C-alpha atoms as a PDB file:
ATOM      1  CA  MET A   1     -61.229 264.155  42.338  1.00  0.00           C
ATOM      2  CA  ASP A   2     -64.762 264.743  41.123  1.00  0.00           C
ATOM      3  CA  ASN A   3     -66.407 268.116  40.450  1.00  0.00           C
ATOM      4  CA  ASP A   4     -68.261 268.219  43.783  1.00  0.00           C
ATOM      5  CA  ASN A   5     -65.029 267.881  45.747  1.00  0.00           C
ATOM      6  CA  LYS A   6     -63.359 270.530  43.578  1.00  0.00           C
ATOM      7  CA  ASN A   7     -66.228 272.951  44.158  1.00  0.00           C
ATOM      8  CA  VAL A   8     -66.128 272.374  47.907  1.00  0.00           C
ATOM      9  CA  LEU A   9     -62.377 272.920  47.926  1.00  0.00           C
ATOM     10  CA  LYS A  10     -62.729 276.102  45.844  1.00  0.00           C
ATOM     11  CA  LYS A  11     -65.323 277.462  48.296  1.00  0.00           C
ATOM     12  CA  GLN A  12     -63.105 276.651  51.277  1.00  0.00           C
ATOM     13  CA  LEU A  13     -60.109 278.330  49.662  1.00  0.00           C
ATOM     14  CA  LEU A  14     -62.174 281.389  48.732  1.00  0.00           C
ATOM     15  CA  LEU A  15     -63.420 281.727  52.328  1.00  0.00           C
ATOM     16  CA  LEU A  16     -59.862 281.334  53.604  1.00  0.00           C
ATOM     17  CA  LYS A  17     -58.656 284.024  51.182  1.00  0.00           C
ATOM     18  CA  ILE A  18     -61.368 286.441  52.366  1.00  0.00           C
ATOM     19  CA  LYS A  19     -60.527 285.730  56.002  1.00  0.00           C
ATOM     20  CA  LEU A  20     -56.798 286.281  55.431  1.00  0.00           C
ATOM     21  CA  ASN A  21     -57.403 289.506  53.473  1.00  0.00           C
ATOM     22  CA  ASN A  22     -59.536 290.813  56.363  1.00  0.00           C
ATOM     23  CA  GLU A  23     -56.777 289.934  58.835  1.00  0.00           C
ATOM     24  CA  ILE A  24     -54.197 291.714  56.655  1.00  0.00           C
ATOM     25  CA  GLN A  25     -56.372 294.844  56.544  1.00  0.00           C
ATOM     26  CA  ASP A  26     -56.815 294.767  60.339  1.00  0.00           C
ATOM     27  CA  LEU A  27     -53.054 294.425  60.840  1.00  0.00           C
ATOM     28  CA  LYS A  28     -52.391 297.338  58.469  1.00  0.00           C
ATOM     29  CA  LYS A  29     -54.828 299.514  60.430  1.00  0.00           C
ATOM     30  CA  ARG A  30     -53.175 298.567  63.721  1.00  0.00           C
ATOM     31  CA  THR A  31     -49.726 299.277  62.278  1.00  0.00           C
ATOM     32  CA  ASN A  32     -50.829 302.738  61.101  1.00  0.00           C
ATOM     33  CA  GLU A  33     -52.205 303.466  64.578  1.00  0.00           C
ATOM     34  CA  ILE A  34     -48.893 302.523  66.183  1.00  0.00           C
ATOM     35  CA  ILE A  35     -46.579 303.972  63.523  1.00  0.00           C
ATOM     36  CA  PRO A  36     -48.320 306.811  61.672  1.00  0.00           C
ATOM     37  CA  ASN A  37     -47.063 307.701  58.201  1.00  0.00           C
ATOM     38  CA  GLU A  38     -45.301 310.936  59.053  1.00  0.00           C
ATOM     39  CA  ASN A  39     -42.636 312.791  57.171  1.00  0.00           C
ATOM     40  CA  ILE A  40     -39.264 311.547  58.446  1.00  0.00           C
ATOM     41  CA  ALA A  41     -37.667 314.909  57.634  1.00  0.00           C
ATOM     42  CA  ASN A  42     -39.588 316.488  60.533  1.00  0.00           C
ATOM     43  CA  HIS A  43     -37.779 314.363  63.121  1.00  0.00           C
ATOM     44  CA  ARG A  44     -34.419 314.870  64.801  1.00  0.00           C
ATOM     45  CA  ILE A  45     -31.891 312.779  66.687  1.00  0.00           C
ATOM     46  CA  VAL A  46     -30.402 314.491  69.709  1.00  0.00           C
ATOM     47  CA  CYS A  47     -27.033 313.321  70.976  1.00  0.00           C
ATOM     48  CA  LYS A  48     -26.599 314.241  74.651  1.00  0.00           C
ATOM     49  CA  GLY A  49     -23.309 312.396  75.001  1.00  0.00           C
ATOM     50  CA  ILE A  50     -20.974 310.718  72.556  1.00  0.00           C
ATOM     51  CA  MET A  51     -21.984 308.746  69.469  1.00  0.00           C
ATOM     52  CA  TYR A  52     -19.100 306.439  68.701  1.00  0.00           C
ATOM     53  CA  VAL A  53     -17.715 305.371  65.318  1.00  0.00           C
ATOM     54  CA  ASN A  54     -19.705 302.569  63.590  1.00  0.00           C
ATOM     55  CA  THR A  55     -22.896 303.384  65.514  1.00  0.00           C
ATOM     56  CA  LYS A  56     -25.836 302.540  63.237  1.00  0.00           C
ATOM     57  CA  ILE A  57     -28.862 304.843  63.229  1.00  0.00           C
ATOM     58  CA  THR A  58     -32.044 303.680  61.507  1.00  0.00           C
ATOM     59  CA  ILE A  59     -35.192 305.755  61.087  1.00  0.00           C
ATOM     60  CA  GLY A  60     -37.808 304.105  58.919  1.00  0.00           C
ATOM     61  CA  TRP A  61     -36.096 303.200  55.673  1.00  0.00           C
ATOM     62  CA  MET A  62     -33.154 305.575  56.208  1.00  0.00           C
ATOM     63  CA  LYS A  63     -29.888 304.247  57.631  1.00  0.00           C
ATOM     64  CA  TYR A  64     -26.782 306.098  58.743  1.00  0.00           C
ATOM     65  CA  ARG A  65     -23.464 304.850  60.102  1.00  0.00           C
ATOM     66  CA  VAL A  66     -21.450 307.259  62.226  1.00  0.00           C
ATOM     67  CA  ARG A  67     -17.976 307.649  60.699  1.00  0.00           C
ATOM     68  CA  ASN A  68     -16.490 310.077  63.260  1.00  0.00           C
ATOM     69  CA  GLU A  69     -17.330 310.480  66.925  1.00  0.00           C
ATOM     70  CA  ILE A  70     -20.147 312.963  67.439  1.00  0.00           C
ATOM     71  CA  SER A  71     -20.857 314.635  70.738  1.00  0.00           C
ATOM     72  CA  TYR A  72     -23.691 316.860  71.913  1.00  0.00           C
ATOM     73  CA  SER A  73     -25.387 317.626  68.607  1.00  0.00           C
ATOM     74  CA  LYS A  74     -28.669 317.312  66.699  1.00  0.00           C
END
């Protein structure tokens, strides 16, 4: 491959990198609009019935598995 072809390929790859970085930034903005970065500690789970053993609860990065039946609690 001669130098001209390498330069053309480098330019194409650079343009592709810029395009992909712009798309990543747009997706990050959209994600923050949908899921704002709030403090998880300010949220509650309300059980209006029975939460059975081995129920998995996931909030953000936190995970909890119910070990005993829980009914009507926060």
